[in-house]
Structures are given as C-alpha cells and as structure tokens.
C-alpha cells in the first residue's frame, strides 16, 4: 500500500482530536512520525491509523 503523506504535510489523528494539528516529520514505510501541537511527537503506524490530511489553507485558520 502507498501512503500519500509526505514530510511537511499537516494532519489530524482521527480519534485523538485533542492532540490538535500535526505536522509530518518523517515517513518510513508504514511508520509516520508526527509532531502534534498539543501532544508532541508520536510514531503512527499507517496500517492501523488513517491520518486525516489537512489542507494548508485550513492551517491558517487555526487559533
């Protein structure tokens, strides 16, 4: 399976909305390292968690 997420992309965790907006730091196969604004750095297994990509324009609306 190919994941369409690259370093620098903005994402949200589908079940952890309180983590806030995250920015992808690295992608290594199915392992995605994301730095979330309210939860810090997390290693996400893309085979288990389907991160929701956020349009860059939406990131400007964050307060």
PDB file of N, CA and C in Angstrom:
ATOM      1  N   UNK A   1       0.839  -1.184   0.000  1.00  0.00           N
ATOM      2  CA  UNK A   1       0.000   0.000   0.000  1.00  0.00           C
ATOM      3  C   UNK A   1       0.883   1.246   0.000  1.00  0.00           C
ATOM      4  N   UNK A   2       0.488   2.259  -0.754  1.00  0.00           N
ATOM      5  CA  UNK A   2       1.230   3.513  -0.837  1.00  0.00           C
ATOM      6  C   UNK A   2       0.486   4.572  -0.035  1.00  0.00           C
ATOM      7  N   UNK A   3       1.221   5.311   0.791  1.00  0.00           N
ATOM      8  CA  UNK A   3       0.613   6.354   1.610  1.00  0.00           C
ATOM      9  C   UNK A   3       0.953   7.705   1.006  1.00  0.00           C
ATOM     10  N   UNK A   4      -0.060   8.531   0.829  1.00  0.00           N
ATOM     11  CA  UNK A   4       0.112   9.823   0.169  1.00  0.00           C
ATOM     12  C   UNK A   4       0.336  10.925   1.207  1.00  0.00           C
ATOM     13  N   UNK A   5       1.269  10.692   2.101  1.00  0.00           N
ATOM     14  CA  UNK A   5       1.617  11.678   3.115  1.00  0.00           C
ATOM     15  C   UNK A   5       3.130  11.849   3.062  1.00  0.00           C
ATOM     16  N   UNK A   6       3.563  13.105   2.993  1.00  0.00           N
ATOM     17  CA  UNK A   6       4.988  13.402   2.905  1.00  0.00           C
ATOM     18  C   UNK A   6       5.394  14.319   4.059  1.00  0.00           C
ATOM     19  N   UNK A   7       6.675  14.332   4.393  1.00  0.00           N
ATOM     20  CA  UNK A   7       7.136  15.257   5.427  1.00  0.00           C
ATOM     21  C   UNK A   7       6.706  16.689   5.106  1.00  0.00           C
ATOM     22  N   UNK A   8       6.253  17.381   6.140  1.00  0.00           N
ATOM     23  CA  UNK A   8       5.767  18.750   5.978  1.00  0.00           C
ATOM     24  C   UNK A   8       4.259  18.845   5.881  1.00  0.00           C
ATOM     25  N   UNK A   9       3.600  17.718   5.576  1.00  0.00           N
ATOM     26  CA  UNK A   9       2.133  17.712   5.453  1.00  0.00           C
ATOM     27  C   UNK A   9       1.498  17.924   6.823  1.00  0.00           C
ATOM     28  N   UNK A  10       0.331  18.556   6.819  1.00  0.00           N
ATOM     29  CA  UNK A  10      -0.427  18.760   8.052  1.00  0.00           C
ATOM     30  C   UNK A  10      -1.512  17.700   8.144  1.00  0.00           C
ATOM     31  N   UNK A  11      -1.681  17.136   9.341  1.00  0.00           N
ATOM     32  CA  UNK A  11      -2.618  16.029   9.542  1.00  0.00           C
ATOM     33  C   UNK A  11      -3.330  16.169  10.883  1.00  0.00           C
ATOM     34  N   UNK A  12      -4.393  15.379  11.029  1.00  0.00           N
ATOM     35  CA  UNK A  12      -5.079  15.226  12.308  1.00  0.00           C
ATOM     36  C   UNK A  12      -5.231  13.730  12.563  1.00  0.00           C
ATOM     37  N   UNK A  13      -5.184  13.350  13.826  1.00  0.00           N
ATOM     38  CA  UNK A  13      -5.414  11.961  14.221  1.00  0.00           C
ATOM     39  C   UNK A  13      -6.925  11.756  14.265  1.00  0.00           C
ATOM     40  N   UNK A  14      -7.447  10.699  13.654  1.00  0.00           N
ATOM     41  CA  UNK A  14      -8.902  10.525  13.560  1.00  0.00           C
ATOM     42  C   UNK A  14      -9.621  10.296  14.884  1.00  0.00           C
ATOM     43  N   UNK A  15      -8.938   9.793  15.898  1.00  0.00           N
ATOM     44  CA  UNK A  15      -9.616   9.520  17.172  1.00  0.00           C
ATOM     45  C   UNK A  15      -9.070  10.341  18.337  1.00  0.00           C
ATOM     46  N   UNK A  16      -8.068  11.151  18.084  1.00  0.00           N
ATOM     47  CA  UNK A  16      -7.446  11.955  19.146  1.00  0.00           C
ATOM     48  C   UNK A  16      -7.514  13.438  18.779  1.00  0.00           C
ATOM     49  N   UNK A  17      -8.718  13.973  18.657  1.00  0.00           N
ATOM     50  CA  UNK A  17      -8.880  15.364  18.227  1.00  0.00           C
ATOM     51  C   UNK A  17      -8.206  16.341  19.183  1.00  0.00           C
ATOM     52  N   UNK A  18      -8.075  15.970  20.460  1.00  0.00           N
ATOM     53  CA  UNK A  18      -7.441  16.863  21.429  1.00  0.00           C
ATOM     54  C   UNK A  18      -5.934  17.011  21.186  1.00  0.00           C
ATOM     55  N   UNK A  19      -5.350  16.169  20.344  1.00  0.00           N
ATOM     56  CA  UNK A  19      -3.935  16.309  20.009  1.00  0.00           C
ATOM     57  C   UNK A  19      -3.697  17.532  19.137  1.00  0.00           C
ATOM     58  N   UNK A  20      -4.743  18.018  18.466  1.00  0.00           N
ATOM     59  CA  UNK A  20      -4.621  19.190  17.611  1.00  0.00           C
ATOM     60  C   UNK A  20      -3.976  18.872  16.273  1.00  0.00           C
ATOM     61  N   UNK A  21      -3.564  19.911  15.624  1.00  0.00           N
ATOM     62  CA  UNK A  21      -2.951  19.809  14.307  1.00  0.00           C
ATOM     63  C   UNK A  21      -1.560  19.203  14.434  1.00  0.00           C
ATOM     64  N   UNK A  22      -1.225  18.326  13.495  1.00  0.00           N
ATOM     65  CA  UNK A  22       0.098  17.718  13.496  1.00  0.00           C
ATOM     66  C   UNK A  22       0.813  17.978  12.191  1.00  0.00           C
ATOM     67  N   UNK A  23       2.130  18.013  12.247  1.00  0.00           N
ATOM     68  CA  UNK A  23       2.924  18.145  11.032  1.00  0.00           C
ATOM     69  C   UNK A  23       3.815  16.919  10.914  1.00  0.00           C
ATOM     70  N   UNK A  24       3.769  16.293   9.739  1.00  0.00           N
ATOM     71  CA  UNK A  24       4.556  15.087   9.490  1.00  0.00           C
ATOM     72  C   UNK A  24       6.035  15.453   9.470  1.00  0.00           C
ATOM     73  N   UNK A  25       6.819  14.734  10.277  1.00  0.00           N
ATOM     74  CA  UNK A  25       8.261  14.951  10.345  1.00  0.00           C
ATOM     75  C   UNK A  25       9.013  13.992   9.424  1.00  0.00           C
ATOM     76  N   UNK A  26       8.546  12.728   9.372  1.00  0.00           N
ATOM     77  CA  UNK A  26       9.206  11.742   8.515  1.00  0.00           C
ATOM     78  C   UNK A  26       8.251  10.603   8.194  1.00  0.00           C
ATOM     79  N   UNK A  27       8.553   9.932   7.079  1.00  0.00           N
ATOM     80  CA  UNK A  27       7.779   8.766   6.655  1.00  0.00           C
ATOM     81  C   UNK A  27       8.779   7.671   6.314  1.00  0.00           C
ATOM     82  N   UNK A  28       8.620   6.513   6.956  1.00  0.00           N
ATOM     83  CA  UNK A  28       9.495   5.371   6.709  1.00  0.00           C
ATOM     84  C   UNK A  28       8.609   4.146   6.538  1.00  0.00           C
ATOM     85  N   UNK A  29       8.255   3.861   5.296  1.00  0.00           N
ATOM     86  CA  UNK A  29       7.340   2.752   5.031  1.00  0.00           C
ATOM     87  C   UNK A  29       5.972   3.067   5.599  1.00  0.00           C
ATOM     88  N   UNK A  30       5.530   2.265   6.565  1.00  0.00           N
ATOM     89  CA  UNK A  30       4.216   2.492   7.176  1.00  0.00           C
ATOM     90  C   UNK A  30       4.319   3.286   8.477  1.00  0.00           C
ATOM     91  N   UNK A  31       5.529   3.695   8.841  1.00  0.00           N
ATOM     92  CA  UNK A  31       5.739   4.455  10.082  1.00  0.00           C
ATOM     93  C   UNK A  31       5.827   5.945   9.759  1.00  0.00           C
ATOM     94  N   UNK A  32       4.948   6.712  10.385  1.00  0.00           N
ATOM     95  CA  UNK A  32       4.894   8.150  10.142  1.00  0.00           C
ATOM     96  C   UNK A  32       5.120   8.864  11.473  1.00  0.00           C
ATOM     97  N   UNK A  33       6.138   9.695  11.526  1.00  0.00           N
ATOM     98  CA  UNK A  33       6.414  10.476  12.729  1.00  0.00           C
ATOM     99  C   UNK A  33       5.742  11.831  12.574  1.00  0.00           C
ATOM    100  N   UNK A  34       4.893  12.162  13.558  1.00  0.00           N
ATOM    101  CA  UNK A  34       4.113  13.399  13.508  1.00  0.00           C
ATOM    102  C   UNK A  34       4.332  14.179  14.796  1.00  0.00           C
ATOM    103  N   UNK A  35       4.508  15.484  14.670  1.00  0.00           N
ATOM    104  CA  UNK A  35       4.608  16.362  15.830  1.00  0.00           C
ATOM    105  C   UNK A  35       3.275  17.094  15.973  1.00  0.00           C
ATOM    106  N   UNK A  36       2.497  16.718  16.994  1.00  0.00           N
ATOM    107  CA  UNK A  36       1.183  17.317  17.231  1.00  0.00           C
ATOM    108  C   UNK A  36       1.318  18.507  18.175  1.00  0.00           C
ATOM    109  N   UNK A  37       0.523  19.568  17.918  1.00  0.00           N
ATOM    110  CA  UNK A  37       0.645  20.796  18.700  1.00  0.00           C
ATOM    111  C   UNK A  37       0.334  20.607  20.181  1.00  0.00           C
ATOM    112  N   UNK A  38      -0.567  19.705  20.538  1.00  0.00           N
ATOM    113  CA  UNK A  38      -0.942  19.524  21.942  1.00  0.00           C
ATOM    114  C   UNK A  38      -0.485  18.198  22.542  1.00  0.00           C
ATOM    115  N   UNK A  39       0.216  17.380  21.765  1.00  0.00           N
ATOM    116  CA  UNK A  39       0.602  16.058  22.269  1.00  0.00           C
ATOM    117  C   UNK A  39       2.050  15.692  21.963  1.00  0.00           C
ATOM    118  N   UNK A  40       2.768  16.568  21.282  1.00  0.00           N
ATOM    119  CA  UNK A  40       4.164  16.289  20.977  1.00  0.00           C
ATOM    120  C   UNK A  40       4.334  15.269  19.859  1.00  0.00           C
ATOM    121  N   UNK A  41       5.503  14.636  19.851  1.00  0.00           N
ATOM    122  CA  UNK A  41       5.876  13.724  18.773  1.00  0.00           C
ATOM    123  C   UNK A  41       5.311  12.329  19.019  1.00  0.00           C
ATOM    124  N   UNK A  42       4.702  11.769  17.964  1.00  0.00           N
ATOM    125  CA  UNK A  42       4.170  10.406  18.033  1.00  0.00           C
ATOM    126  C   UNK A  42       4.535   9.650  16.765  1.00  0.00           C
ATOM    127  N   UNK A  43       4.822   8.363  16.931  1.00  0.00           N
ATOM    128  CA  UNK A  43       5.076   7.471  15.807  1.00  0.00           C
ATOM    129  C   UNK A  43       3.771   6.756  15.493  1.00  0.00           C
ATOM    130  N   UNK A  44       3.264   6.964  14.284  1.00  0.00           N
ATOM    131  CA  UNK A  44       1.974   6.427  13.864  1.00  0.00           C
ATOM    132  C   UNK A  44       2.199   5.269  12.899  1.00  0.00           C
ATOM    133  N   UNK A  45       1.506   4.157  13.123  1.00  0.00           N
ATOM    134  CA  UNK A  45       1.533   3.032  12.193  1.00  0.00           C
ATOM    135  C   UNK A  45       0.397   3.243  11.196  1.00  0.00           C
ATOM    136  N   UNK A  46       0.740   3.562   9.953  1.00  0.00           N
ATOM    137  CA  UNK A  46      -0.261   3.886   8.936  1.00  0.00           C
ATOM    138  C   UNK A  46      -1.106   2.681   8.529  1.00  0.00           C
ATOM    139  N   UNK A  47      -0.689   1.474   8.899  1.00  0.00           N
ATOM    140  CA  UNK A  47      -1.520   0.303   8.623  1.00  0.00           C
ATOM    141  C   UNK A  47      -2.693   0.228   9.598  1.00  0.00           C
ATOM    142  N   UNK A  48      -2.569   0.915  10.728  1.00  0.00           N
ATOM    143  CA  UNK A  48      -3.605   0.882  11.759  1.00  0.00           C
ATOM    144  C   UNK A  48      -4.383   2.196  11.819  1.00  0.00           C
ATOM    145  N   UNK A  49      -3.681   3.319  11.731  1.00  0.00           N
ATOM    146  CA  UNK A  49      -4.294   4.644  11.853  1.00  0.00           C
ATOM    147  C   UNK A  49      -4.272   5.342  10.502  1.00  0.00           C
ATOM    148  N   UNK A  50      -5.438   5.807  10.060  1.00  0.00           N
ATOM    149  CA  UNK A  50      -5.552   6.542   8.804  1.00  0.00           C
ATOM    150  C   UNK A  50      -5.595   8.033   9.121  1.00  0.00           C
ATOM    151  N   UNK A  51      -4.424   8.663   9.129  1.00  0.00           N
ATOM    152  CA  UNK A  51      -4.353  10.090   9.435  1.00  0.00           C
ATOM    153  C   UNK A  51      -5.167  10.893   8.426  1.00  0.00           C
ATOM    154  N   UNK A  52      -5.789  11.947   8.909  1.00  0.00           N
ATOM    155  CA  UNK A  52      -6.589  12.820   8.046  1.00  0.00           C
ATOM    156  C   UNK A  52      -5.720  13.993   7.622  1.00  0.00           C
ATOM    157  N   UNK A  53      -5.511  14.139   6.314  1.00  0.00           N
ATOM    158  CA  UNK A  53      -4.713  15.259   5.838  1.00  0.00           C
ATOM    159  C   UNK A  53      -5.525  16.541   5.932  1.00  0.00           C
ATOM    160  N   UNK A  54      -4.826  17.637   6.184  1.00  0.00           N
ATOM    161  CA  UNK A  54      -5.450  18.943   6.342  1.00  0.00           C
ATOM    162  C   UNK A  54      -4.909  19.849   5.250  1.00  0.00           C
ATOM    163  N   UNK A  55      -5.799  20.523   4.542  1.00  0.00           N
ATOM    164  CA  UNK A  55      -5.401  21.476   3.512  1.00  0.00           C
ATOM    165  C   UNK A  55      -4.594  22.589   4.176  1.00  0.00           C
ATOM    166  N   UNK A  56      -3.508  22.987   3.553  1.00  0.00           N
ATOM    167  CA  UNK A  56      -2.640  24.004   4.143  1.00  0.00           C
ATOM    168  C   UNK A  56      -3.387  25.309   4.413  1.00  0.00           C
ATOM    169  N   UNK A  57      -4.382  25.632   3.595  1.00  0.00           N
ATOM    170  CA  UNK A  57      -5.180  26.847   3.810  1.00  0.00           C
ATOM    171  C   UNK A  57      -5.926  26.778   5.141  1.00  0.00           C
ATOM    172  N   UNK A  58      -6.340  25.568   5.546  1.00  0.00           N
ATOM    173  CA  UNK A  58      -7.051  25.394   6.812  1.00  0.00           C
ATOM    174  C   UNK A  58      -6.137  25.640   8.008  1.00  0.00           C
ATOM    175  N   UNK A  59      -4.834  25.441   7.845  1.00  0.00           N
ATOM    176  CA  UNK A  59      -3.915  25.631   8.967  1.00  0.00           C
ATOM    177  C   UNK A  59      -3.806  27.097   9.344  1.00  0.00           C
ATOM    178  N   UNK A  60      -4.081  27.997   8.405  1.00  0.00           N
ATOM    179  CA  UNK A  60      -4.033  29.430   8.691  1.00  0.00           C
ATOM    180  C   UNK A  60      -5.213  29.875   9.529  1.00  0.00           C
ATOM    181  N   UNK A  61      -6.281  29.065   9.574  1.00  0.00           N
ATOM    182  CA  UNK A  61      -7.481  29.398  10.334  1.00  0.00           C
ATOM    183  C   UNK A  61      -7.377  28.964  11.788  1.00  0.00           C
ATOM    184  N   UNK A  62      -6.332  28.201  12.129  1.00  0.00           N
ATOM    185  CA  UNK A  62      -6.184  27.689  13.495  1.00  0.00           C
ATOM    186  C   UNK A  62      -5.901  28.830  14.453  1.00  0.00           C
ATOM    187  N   UNK A  63      -6.489  28.755  15.668  1.00  0.00           N
ATOM    188  CA  UNK A  63      -6.174  29.779  16.667  1.00  0.00           C
ATOM    189  C   UNK A  63      -5.489  29.168  17.846  1.00  0.00           C
TER     190      UNK A  63
END
